[in-house]
Amino acid sequence: MQQSPVLNPEVSESFAQIIRLRRRRLFLRVFIGASIVILIIETLVMLLLDSPAVFPHPLIQYLDGLILVVCLMPLNYFFILRPLYRNMEEHQRTNQQLLQSAEVLERFFCMTDILIAYLDANFNFIRVNQAYAKANQRSPENFAGKNHFTLFPGAENQAIFEAVVASGKPFSIREKPFTFPEHPEYGTTYWDWTLQPVKAPSGKVEGLVLSLLDVTESRRAKDRLRQMALFPVFNPNPVLRVDAQGHIETLNAAALEMDLKIGGTITESMPDFARVDLAGCIASGSRQTFTTRLGERLLLWSIQGAAELGLAFLYSSDITVQKRAETISQARLRL
């Protein structure tokens, strides 16, 4: 089946403009022609005003008024009624958009996980949401009219606010530490926050929207993980992380001194580990101890399986001196 040709959108728009132009010209011709006809009729009527025998005088007045109404009706429509109607439609659309914007703004301020504050260009609070007020143990109404840096003094933050007002550019930062002046028991808290300028039609900044997200718990969790990660690094004894086959995944500096390396197997340096069931220890998540020799050194290993990771953590301590002391003590007891 032959497909109908598809017109380029630009060509279609050009055709539409031509059609609209022709319609306007046709309407103008009809309007001018009708106006000429009405003018002729009006002239004839005015001439007949001097001949009351042909038409009664009241009838001529009514006919004259009717002709004037018919003549002025298109002018009234196109120059008065139509612009007024369009203005009313535009006003109605504007009101609808304002209502929708107000609804969106209200929904925005109802967010419970983000703290939101709206301030003027002098950093006075205009409105805050419930989450912002709750975090400071105040009511939302208590903030209105108060200056942000009177409640929360801070030279660094104030400099940031002033820079946003001066430049008109938004500012954001992650995990910024903050201590509540009125609640030192909270300790140091951490916040992701964004400062967004609100501009007038002239481009001048007339307000600021401050949004804050509390990331204190996630930051503290990361700090704990970092501390745990640094623990084996500074441990003077060897610490390893191996898989079920004994391949070394991670090791600390003390383990490097034992000529162990990432990617190698622990049995290469310590064949005694072949007797350890690493796979079973990992699968069961159990803990076991194992003693092995490395040259002249005697090492006691604590092995902890982690089934959820598929790995085992090996912690070593050198018991060479302890074993020698025990041997000497036993020998003396036998004497």
Protein backbone atom coordinates (compact mmCIF):
# COMPACT_ATOMS: atom_id res chain seq x y z
CA MET A 1 0.00 0.00 0.00
CA GLN A 2 1.32 3.43 -0.91
CA GLN A 3 1.90 5.60 2.09
CA SER A 4 0.63 9.12 2.19
CA PRO A 5 3.42 11.71 2.10
CA VAL A 6 4.47 13.17 5.44
CA LEU A 7 4.98 16.91 5.41
CA ASN A 8 7.88 18.55 7.20
CA PRO A 9 6.56 20.32 10.31
CA GLU A 10 8.11 23.60 9.11
CA VAL A 11 6.36 23.26 5.73
CA SER A 12 3.06 22.45 7.44
CA GLU A 13 3.42 25.53 9.63
CA SER A 14 4.11 27.66 6.54
CA PHE A 15 0.94 26.36 4.87
CA ALA A 16 -1.03 27.07 8.04
CA GLN A 17 0.28 30.64 8.12
CA ILE A 18 -0.70 31.16 4.47
CA ILE A 19 -4.22 29.83 5.14
CA ARG A 20 -4.61 32.08 8.18
CA LEU A 21 -3.42 35.08 6.15
CA ARG A 22 -5.91 34.34 3.37
CA ARG A 23 -8.73 34.03 5.89
CA ARG A 24 -7.83 37.37 7.39
CA ARG A 25 -7.76 39.01 3.96
CA LEU A 26 -11.12 37.47 3.06
CA PHE A 27 -12.64 38.68 6.31
CA LEU A 28 -11.21 42.16 5.68
CA ARG A 29 -12.72 42.27 2.20
CA VAL A 30 -16.11 41.12 3.47
CA PHE A 31 -15.97 43.64 6.29
CA ILE A 32 -15.04 46.50 3.94
CA GLY A 33 -17.70 45.47 1.43
CA ALA A 34 -20.35 45.20 4.12
CA SER A 35 -19.33 48.57 5.50
CA ILE A 36 -19.71 50.18 2.05
CA VAL A 37 -23.14 48.59 1.60
CA ILE A 38 -24.21 49.75 5.05
CA LEU A 39 -22.89 53.24 4.30
CA ILE A 40 -24.93 53.37 1.08
CA ILE A 41 -28.04 52.17 2.89
CA GLU A 42 -27.43 54.70 5.65
CA THR A 43 -27.08 57.47 3.05
CA LEU A 44 -30.32 56.46 1.38
CA VAL A 45 -32.10 56.38 4.71
CA MET A 46 -30.85 59.86 5.55
CA LEU A 47 -32.14 61.09 2.19
CA LEU A 48 -35.54 59.56 2.88
CA LEU A 49 -35.79 61.45 6.15
CA ASP A 50 -37.01 64.41 4.11
CA SER A 51 -39.79 62.28 2.54
CA PRO A 52 -42.10 61.19 5.33
CA ALA A 53 -44.69 60.16 2.74
CA VAL A 54 -42.57 57.18 1.72
CA PHE A 55 -41.77 55.90 5.25
CA PRO A 56 -43.17 57.09 8.55
CA HIS A 57 -40.65 59.07 10.55
CA PRO A 58 -40.51 56.70 13.61
CA LEU A 59 -39.92 53.70 11.35
CA ILE A 60 -37.02 55.49 9.72
CA GLN A 61 -35.50 56.20 13.16
CA TYR A 62 -35.80 52.56 14.18
CA LEU A 63 -34.32 51.42 10.88
CA ASP A 64 -31.51 53.91 11.21
CA GLY A 65 -30.71 52.72 14.75
CA LEU A 66 -30.80 49.10 13.63
CA ILE A 67 -28.36 49.79 10.81
CA LEU A 68 -26.01 51.59 13.19
CA VAL A 69 -26.11 48.64 15.62
CA VAL A 70 -25.41 46.17 12.79
CA CYS A 71 -22.59 48.36 11.51
CA LEU A 72 -20.95 48.79 14.92
CA MET A 73 -21.38 45.18 16.10
CA PRO A 74 -18.23 43.79 14.34
CA LEU A 75 -16.21 46.73 15.63
CA ASN A 76 -17.47 46.18 19.16
CA TYR A 77 -16.66 42.48 18.96
CA PHE A 78 -13.16 42.72 17.51
CA PHE A 79 -11.95 45.79 19.37
CA ILE A 80 -13.79 45.50 22.71
CA LEU A 81 -15.43 42.17 23.42
CA ARG A 82 -12.79 39.88 21.93
CA PRO A 83 -9.78 41.51 23.72
CA LEU A 84 -11.79 41.58 26.95
CA TYR A 85 -12.63 37.89 26.61
CA ARG A 86 -8.98 37.03 25.91
CA ASN A 87 -7.89 39.04 28.91
CA MET A 88 -10.38 37.16 31.09
CA GLU A 89 -9.08 33.82 29.80
CA GLU A 90 -5.49 34.86 30.45
CA HIS A 91 -6.42 36.04 33.94
CA GLN A 92 -8.12 32.72 34.63
CA ARG A 93 -5.10 30.76 33.42
CA THR A 94 -2.81 32.90 35.58
CA ASN A 95 -4.98 32.29 38.64
CA GLN A 96 -4.94 28.55 37.94
CA GLN A 97 -1.15 28.56 37.65
CA LEU A 98 -0.86 30.50 40.90
CA LEU A 99 -3.09 27.99 42.65
CA GLN A 100 -1.01 25.12 41.31
CA SER A 101 2.21 26.86 42.34
CA ALA A 102 0.83 27.46 45.82
CA GLU A 103 -0.14 23.78 46.07
CA VAL A 104 3.34 22.68 44.97
CA LEU A 105 4.94 25.07 47.47
CA GLU A 106 2.71 23.76 50.25
CA ARG A 107 3.62 20.16 49.38
CA PHE A 108 7.29 21.19 49.36
CA PHE A 109 7.05 22.58 52.89
CA CYS A 110 5.26 19.44 54.08
CA MET A 111 8.31 17.24 53.47
CA THR A 112 9.28 15.47 56.69
CA ASP A 113 12.79 14.21 55.93
CA ILE A 114 14.25 17.50 54.68
CA LEU A 115 14.55 20.66 56.76
CA ILE A 116 13.41 23.71 54.78
CA ALA A 117 13.62 27.40 55.63
CA TYR A 118 12.67 30.44 53.54
CA LEU A 119 14.54 33.65 54.42
CA ASP A 120 14.64 37.18 53.07
CA ALA A 121 17.80 38.78 51.67
CA ASN A 122 18.76 39.94 55.17
CA PHE A 123 18.57 36.33 56.45
CA ASN A 124 15.40 36.84 58.47
CA PHE A 125 13.14 33.79 58.64
CA ILE A 126 9.91 34.06 56.66
CA ARG A 127 8.77 30.46 56.95
CA VAL A 128 10.13 27.08 58.01
CA ASN A 129 8.63 23.62 57.70
CA GLN A 130 7.69 21.37 60.58
CA ALA A 131 10.85 19.26 60.26
CA TYR A 132 13.07 22.34 60.60
CA ALA A 133 11.20 23.50 63.68
CA LYS A 134 11.23 20.04 65.26
CA ALA A 135 14.99 19.67 64.84
CA ASN A 136 15.43 22.88 66.84
CA GLN A 137 12.67 22.02 69.34
CA ARG A 138 10.64 25.11 68.42
CA SER A 139 7.35 25.79 66.70
CA PRO A 140 7.40 27.00 63.08
CA GLU A 141 5.78 30.29 64.12
CA ASN A 142 8.61 30.94 66.57
CA PHE A 143 11.09 31.50 63.71
CA ALA A 144 9.13 34.15 61.79
CA GLY A 145 10.94 37.50 61.77
CA LYS A 146 14.01 36.25 63.64
CA ASN A 147 17.45 36.48 62.05
CA HIS A 148 19.13 33.20 61.18
CA PHE A 149 22.53 34.23 62.55
CA THR A 150 21.05 35.54 65.77
CA LEU A 151 19.78 32.04 66.47
CA PHE A 152 22.66 30.17 64.83
CA PRO A 153 25.77 32.39 64.85
CA GLY A 154 28.61 31.35 62.57
CA ALA A 155 31.01 33.54 60.60
CA GLU A 156 31.73 30.87 57.99
CA ASN A 157 28.07 30.15 57.23
CA GLN A 158 27.21 33.86 57.20
CA ALA A 159 29.93 34.46 54.61
CA ILE A 160 28.40 31.72 52.44
CA PHE A 161 24.91 33.27 52.72
CA GLU A 162 26.25 36.72 51.83
CA ALA A 163 28.11 35.32 48.80
CA VAL A 164 24.94 33.68 47.48
CA VAL A 165 22.97 36.93 47.82
CA ALA A 166 25.76 38.89 46.11
CA SER A 167 26.36 36.43 43.24
CA GLY A 168 22.86 35.04 42.77
CA LYS A 169 24.36 31.56 42.39
CA PRO A 170 23.24 28.55 44.46
CA PHE A 171 25.57 26.85 46.92
CA SER A 172 25.62 23.26 48.17
CA ILE A 173 27.88 21.24 50.44
CA ARG A 174 27.93 17.70 51.79
CA GLU A 175 28.46 16.52 55.37
CA LYS A 176 29.06 19.98 56.79
CA PRO A 177 29.61 19.75 60.56
CA PHE A 178 27.37 21.79 62.83
CA THR A 179 26.88 22.07 66.59
CA PHE A 180 23.55 23.33 67.92
CA PRO A 181 24.25 26.26 70.27
CA GLU A 182 21.20 25.49 72.39
CA HIS A 183 21.73 21.71 72.35
CA PRO A 184 25.38 20.84 72.96
CA GLU A 185 24.25 17.38 74.02
CA TYR A 186 23.66 16.58 70.32
CA GLY A 187 27.40 16.73 69.76
CA THR A 188 28.74 17.42 66.27
CA THR A 189 26.10 16.78 63.63
CA TYR A 190 26.58 16.58 59.86
CA TRP A 191 24.34 18.01 57.16
CA ASP A 192 24.00 18.06 53.39
CA TRP A 193 22.63 21.49 52.64
CA THR A 194 21.74 23.64 49.68
CA LEU A 195 21.21 27.39 49.56
CA GLN A 196 19.08 28.48 46.59
CA PRO A 197 18.56 32.19 45.75
CA VAL A 198 15.06 33.49 44.98
CA LYS A 199 15.19 36.31 42.44
CA ALA A 200 12.79 39.13 41.56
CA PRO A 201 11.88 39.74 37.88
CA SER A 202 14.66 42.34 37.85
CA GLY A 203 17.21 39.64 38.71
CA LYS A 204 17.92 40.94 42.21
CA VAL A 205 18.03 38.31 44.97
CA GLU A 206 15.14 38.91 47.34
CA GLY A 207 15.18 35.67 49.32
CA LEU A 208 16.90 32.37 50.05
CA VAL A 209 15.64 28.80 50.36
CA LEU A 210 17.75 26.71 52.72
CA SER A 211 17.26 22.93 52.56
CA LEU A 212 19.05 20.59 54.97
CA LEU A 213 19.36 16.81 55.14
CA ASP A 214 20.63 15.22 58.35
CA VAL A 215 23.41 12.75 57.46
CA THR A 216 24.85 12.47 60.96
CA GLU A 217 24.18 8.73 61.33
CA SER A 218 25.65 7.85 57.95
CA ARG A 219 28.73 9.97 58.64
CA ARG A 220 29.26 8.36 62.03
CA ALA A 221 28.81 4.92 60.46
CA LYS A 222 31.46 5.76 57.86
CA ASP A 223 33.77 6.96 60.62
CA ARG A 224 33.29 3.68 62.48
CA LEU A 225 34.00 1.69 59.32
CA ARG A 226 37.10 3.75 58.70
CA GLN A 227 38.29 3.12 62.25
CA MET A 228 37.70 -0.59 61.79
CA ALA A 229 39.57 -0.49 58.48
CA LEU A 230 42.50 1.34 60.08
CA PHE A 231 42.67 -1.09 63.01
CA PRO A 232 44.51 -3.88 61.11
CA VAL A 233 46.68 -1.30 59.37
CA PHE A 234 48.22 -0.21 62.66
CA ASN A 235 48.14 -3.66 64.24
CA PRO A 236 51.75 -4.76 64.91
CA ASN A 237 50.73 -8.39 64.36
CA PRO A 238 49.86 -9.92 60.95
CA VAL A 239 46.21 -9.61 59.89
CA LEU A 240 44.89 -11.35 56.76
CA ARG A 241 41.66 -11.74 54.85
CA VAL A 242 41.43 -14.92 52.75
CA ASP A 243 38.80 -16.77 50.73
CA ALA A 244 37.76 -20.41 51.08
CA GLN A 245 40.70 -21.58 48.94
CA GLY A 246 43.22 -19.68 51.02
CA HIS A 247 43.86 -16.91 48.49
CA ILE A 248 44.93 -13.72 50.26
CA GLU A 249 42.55 -10.81 49.62
CA THR A 250 43.98 -8.22 52.03
CA LEU A 251 46.90 -8.02 54.42
CA ASN A 252 48.50 -5.42 56.65
CA ALA A 253 52.09 -4.19 56.82
CA ALA A 254 53.06 -6.76 59.47
CA ALA A 255 51.90 -9.59 57.16
CA LEU A 256 53.97 -8.17 54.31
CA GLU A 257 57.08 -8.70 56.44
CA MET A 258 56.24 -12.43 56.42
CA ASP A 259 56.72 -12.47 52.60
CA LEU A 260 52.97 -12.89 52.10
CA LYS A 261 51.39 -11.17 49.11
CA ILE A 262 47.91 -10.41 47.81
CA GLY A 263 46.74 -13.03 45.33
CA GLY A 264 49.00 -15.74 46.70
CA THR A 265 47.88 -18.56 48.97
CA ILE A 266 48.65 -18.78 52.65
CA THR A 267 49.87 -22.38 52.27
CA GLU A 268 52.75 -21.20 50.08
CA SER A 269 54.46 -19.65 53.11
CA MET A 270 52.88 -21.83 55.81
CA PRO A 271 52.11 -25.35 54.52
CA ASP A 272 50.59 -26.28 57.91
CA PHE A 273 47.49 -24.26 56.89
CA ALA A 274 46.56 -27.10 54.53
CA ARG A 275 45.12 -28.85 57.63
CA VAL A 276 42.73 -25.96 58.32
CA ASP A 277 39.20 -26.26 56.88
CA LEU A 278 38.83 -22.64 55.75
CA ALA A 279 35.76 -23.40 53.62
CA GLY A 280 33.95 -24.99 56.58
CA CYS A 281 34.94 -22.17 58.90
CA ILE A 282 33.60 -19.60 56.42
CA ALA A 283 30.37 -21.50 55.75
CA SER A 284 29.58 -21.90 59.45
CA GLY A 285 30.84 -18.48 60.50
CA SER A 286 32.72 -20.14 63.35
CA ARG A 287 35.94 -19.22 65.12
CA GLN A 288 38.92 -21.51 65.59
CA THR A 289 42.58 -21.26 66.58
CA PHE A 290 45.57 -22.78 64.88
CA THR A 291 49.31 -22.82 65.61
CA THR A 292 51.90 -22.90 62.84
CA ARG A 293 55.60 -22.30 62.34
CA LEU A 294 57.17 -19.72 60.08
CA GLY A 295 60.90 -20.28 60.15
CA GLU A 296 62.01 -19.93 63.76
CA ARG A 297 58.81 -18.21 64.77
CA LEU A 298 55.79 -19.89 66.33
CA LEU A 299 52.51 -18.14 65.43
CA LEU A 300 49.08 -18.55 67.00
CA TRP A 301 46.28 -17.75 64.52
CA SER A 302 42.70 -16.83 65.40
CA ILE A 303 40.46 -17.58 62.41
CA GLN A 304 36.98 -16.03 62.14
CA GLY A 305 34.71 -17.07 59.28
CA ALA A 306 32.22 -14.61 57.70
CA ALA A 307 29.63 -16.49 55.69
CA GLU A 308 27.92 -13.35 54.39
CA LEU A 309 31.23 -12.17 52.89
CA GLY A 310 32.58 -15.56 51.83
CA LEU A 311 35.84 -14.75 53.61
CA ALA A 312 37.84 -15.60 56.70
CA PHE A 313 39.72 -13.10 58.87
CA LEU A 314 43.03 -14.31 60.29
CA TYR A 315 44.63 -12.58 63.28
CA SER A 316 48.11 -13.69 64.29
CA SER A 317 50.21 -13.29 67.42
CA ASP A 318 53.83 -14.37 67.86
CA ILE A 319 54.08 -16.82 70.77
CA THR A 320 57.70 -17.84 70.17
CA VAL A 321 59.06 -16.18 73.31
CA GLN A 322 56.14 -17.45 75.39
CA LYS A 323 56.69 -21.05 74.24
CA ARG A 324 60.42 -20.83 74.92
CA ALA A 325 59.74 -19.56 78.42
CA GLU A 326 57.29 -22.42 79.03
CA THR A 327 59.85 -24.96 77.78
CA ILE A 328 62.58 -23.56 80.06
CA SER A 329 60.17 -23.53 83.03
CA GLN A 330 59.19 -27.15 82.43
CA ALA A 331 62.83 -28.20 82.11
CA ARG A 332 63.66 -26.59 85.46
CA LEU A 333 60.75 -28.34 87.11
CA ARG A 334 62.10 -31.71 85.96
CA LEU A 335 65.51 -31.07 87.56
